[in-house]
C-alpha atoms as a PDB file:
ATOM      1  CA  ALA A   1     -46.990   4.455  32.996  1.00  0.00           C
ATOM      2  CA  ALA A   2     -45.253   7.797  32.441  1.00  0.00           C
ATOM      3  CA  ASP A   3     -42.437   6.763  34.798  1.00  0.00           C
ATOM      4  CA  CYS A   4     -41.905   3.643  32.669  1.00  0.00           C
ATOM      5  CA  TRP A   5     -41.450   5.722  29.531  1.00  0.00           C
ATOM      6  CA  VAL A   6     -38.964   8.006  31.301  1.00  0.00           C
ATOM      7  CA  ALA A   7     -37.045   4.933  32.510  1.00  0.00           C
ATOM      8  CA  ALA A   8     -37.193   3.472  28.983  1.00  0.00           C
ATOM      9  CA  GLU A   9     -35.723   6.664  27.546  1.00  0.00           C
ATOM     10  CA  ASN A  10     -32.900   6.594  30.097  1.00  0.00           C
ATOM     11  CA  LEU A  11     -32.200   2.925  29.297  1.00  0.00           C
ATOM     12  CA  MET A  12     -32.077   3.704  25.581  1.00  0.00           C
ATOM     13  CA  LEU A  13     -29.777   6.715  26.075  1.00  0.00           C
ATOM     14  CA  ALA A  14     -27.450   4.696  28.305  1.00  0.00           C
ATOM     15  CA  ALA A  15     -27.364   1.851  25.762  1.00  0.00           C
ATOM     16  CA  CYS A  16     -26.539   4.321  22.984  1.00  0.00           C
ATOM     17  CA  ALA A  17     -23.691   5.777  25.067  1.00  0.00           C
ATOM     18  CA  MET A  18     -22.287   2.233  25.346  1.00  0.00           C
ATOM     19  CA  GLY A  19     -22.495   1.710  21.573  1.00  0.00           C
ATOM     20  CA  LEU A  20     -25.604  -0.473  21.695  1.00  0.00           C
ATOM     21  CA  GLY A  21     -28.753  -0.174  19.604  1.00  0.00           C
ATOM     22  CA  THR A  22     -32.303  -0.231  20.982  1.00  0.00           C
ATOM     23  CA  CYS A  23     -35.827  -0.352  19.659  1.00  0.00           C
ATOM     24  CA  VAL A  24     -39.198  -0.076  21.389  1.00  0.00           C
ATOM     25  CA  ILE A  25     -41.445  -2.916  20.205  1.00  0.00           C
ATOM     26  CA  GLY A  26     -44.833  -1.292  20.781  1.00  0.00           C
ATOM     27  CA  LEU A  27     -46.786  -4.079  19.086  1.00  0.00           C
ATOM     28  CA  ALA A  28     -45.550  -6.490  21.773  1.00  0.00           C
ATOM     29  CA  VAL A  29     -47.368  -4.664  24.601  1.00  0.00           C
ATOM     30  CA  TYR A  30     -50.660  -6.447  24.009  1.00  0.00           C
ATOM     31  CA  ALA A  31     -49.092  -9.925  23.786  1.00  0.00           C
ATOM     32  CA  LEU A  32     -46.842  -9.424  26.817  1.00  0.00           C
ATOM     33  CA  ASN A  33     -49.886  -8.548  28.925  1.00  0.00           C
ATOM     34  CA  THR A  34     -51.756 -11.779  28.129  1.00  0.00           C
ATOM     35  CA  PRO A  35     -51.762 -14.671  30.623  1.00  0.00           C
ATOM     36  CA  GLN A  36     -50.356 -17.011  27.946  1.00  0.00           C
ATOM     37  CA  TRP A  37     -47.216 -14.953  27.304  1.00  0.00           C
ATOM     38  CA  LYS A  38     -46.709 -14.182  30.985  1.00  0.00           C
ATOM     39  CA  ALA A  39     -46.714 -17.936  31.650  1.00  0.00           C
ATOM     40  CA  GLU A  40     -44.405 -18.612  28.681  1.00  0.00           C
ATOM     41  CA  LEU A  41     -41.911 -16.019  29.958  1.00  0.00           C
ATOM     42  CA  ASN A  42     -42.251 -17.016  33.633  1.00  0.00           C
ATOM     43  CA  ALA A  43     -43.373 -13.428  34.330  1.00  0.00           C
ATOM     44  CA  ASP A  44     -45.347 -12.434  37.387  1.00  0.00           C
ATOM     45  CA  PRO A  45     -49.066 -12.567  36.493  1.00  0.00           C
ATOM     46  CA  ASP A  46     -49.494  -9.119  38.104  1.00  0.00           C
ATOM     47  CA  MET A  47     -46.793  -7.583  35.862  1.00  0.00           C
ATOM     48  CA  THR A  48     -47.863  -5.026  33.246  1.00  0.00           C
ATOM     49  CA  ALA A  49     -45.682  -4.367  30.204  1.00  0.00           C
ATOM     50  CA  TYR A  50     -45.540  -0.736  29.070  1.00  0.00           C
ATOM     51  CA  ALA A  51     -42.381  -0.336  27.001  1.00  0.00           C
ATOM     52  CA  PRO A  52     -40.848  -3.543  25.620  1.00  0.00           C
ATOM     53  CA  ILE A  53     -37.343  -2.697  24.403  1.00  0.00           C
ATOM     54  CA  ILE A  54     -34.825  -4.825  22.561  1.00  0.00           C
ATOM     55  CA  VAL A  55     -31.132  -4.070  23.042  1.00  0.00           C
ATOM     56  CA  GLY A  56     -28.343  -5.336  20.837  1.00  0.00           C
ATOM     57  CA  VAL A  57     -25.093  -4.693  19.039  1.00  0.00           C
ATOM     58  CA  PRO A  58     -25.671  -2.736  15.813  1.00  0.00           C
ATOM     59  CA  ASN A  59     -24.567  -4.334  12.547  1.00  0.00           C
ATOM     60  CA  GLY A  60     -22.670  -1.329  11.226  1.00  0.00           C
ATOM     61  CA  GLN A  61     -23.190   2.417  11.395  1.00  0.00           C
ATOM     62  CA  THR A  62     -26.750   3.754  11.295  1.00  0.00           C
ATOM     63  CA  PRO A  63     -27.038   6.753   8.961  1.00  0.00           C
ATOM     64  CA  PRO A  64     -28.435   9.951  10.475  1.00  0.00           C
ATOM     65  CA  THR A  65     -32.161  10.502  10.069  1.00  0.00           C
ATOM     66  CA  PRO A  66     -32.973  13.499   7.865  1.00  0.00           C
ATOM     67  CA  ARG A  67     -34.608  16.279   9.864  1.00  0.00           C
ATOM     68  CA  LYS A  68     -36.872  19.132   8.822  1.00  0.00           C
ATOM     69  CA  ASP A  69     -36.028  22.631   9.964  1.00  0.00           C
ATOM     70  CA  PRO A  70     -38.004  23.539  13.095  1.00  0.00           C
ATOM     71  CA  GLN A  71     -41.086  25.663  12.641  1.00  0.00           C
ATOM     72  CA  VAL A  72     -41.227  28.410  15.263  1.00  0.00           C
ATOM     73  CA  LEU A  73     -44.737  29.314  16.388  1.00  0.00           C
ATOM     74  CA  THR A  74     -45.598  32.468  18.279  1.00  0.00           C
ATOM     75  CA  TRP A  75     -48.790  33.764  19.792  1.00  0.00           C
ATOM     76  CA  LYS A  76     -49.504  37.458  20.148  1.00  0.00           C
END
């Protein structure tokens, strides 16, 4: 599963570099792993969905997300 998330991150970064938008649809994981949806999508019954991602052309510029200053922790 960890390899899937690394691959998903790379897909999302590559899409961003090409001017595309992406979004992980985490709520879809359960549905995509049911026999009904696998049949509907013609997916292999042995397939397991880990990181459903939609990719598309953004409708305009996305404003930057506000960030908090990092909090540096140290142990002595």
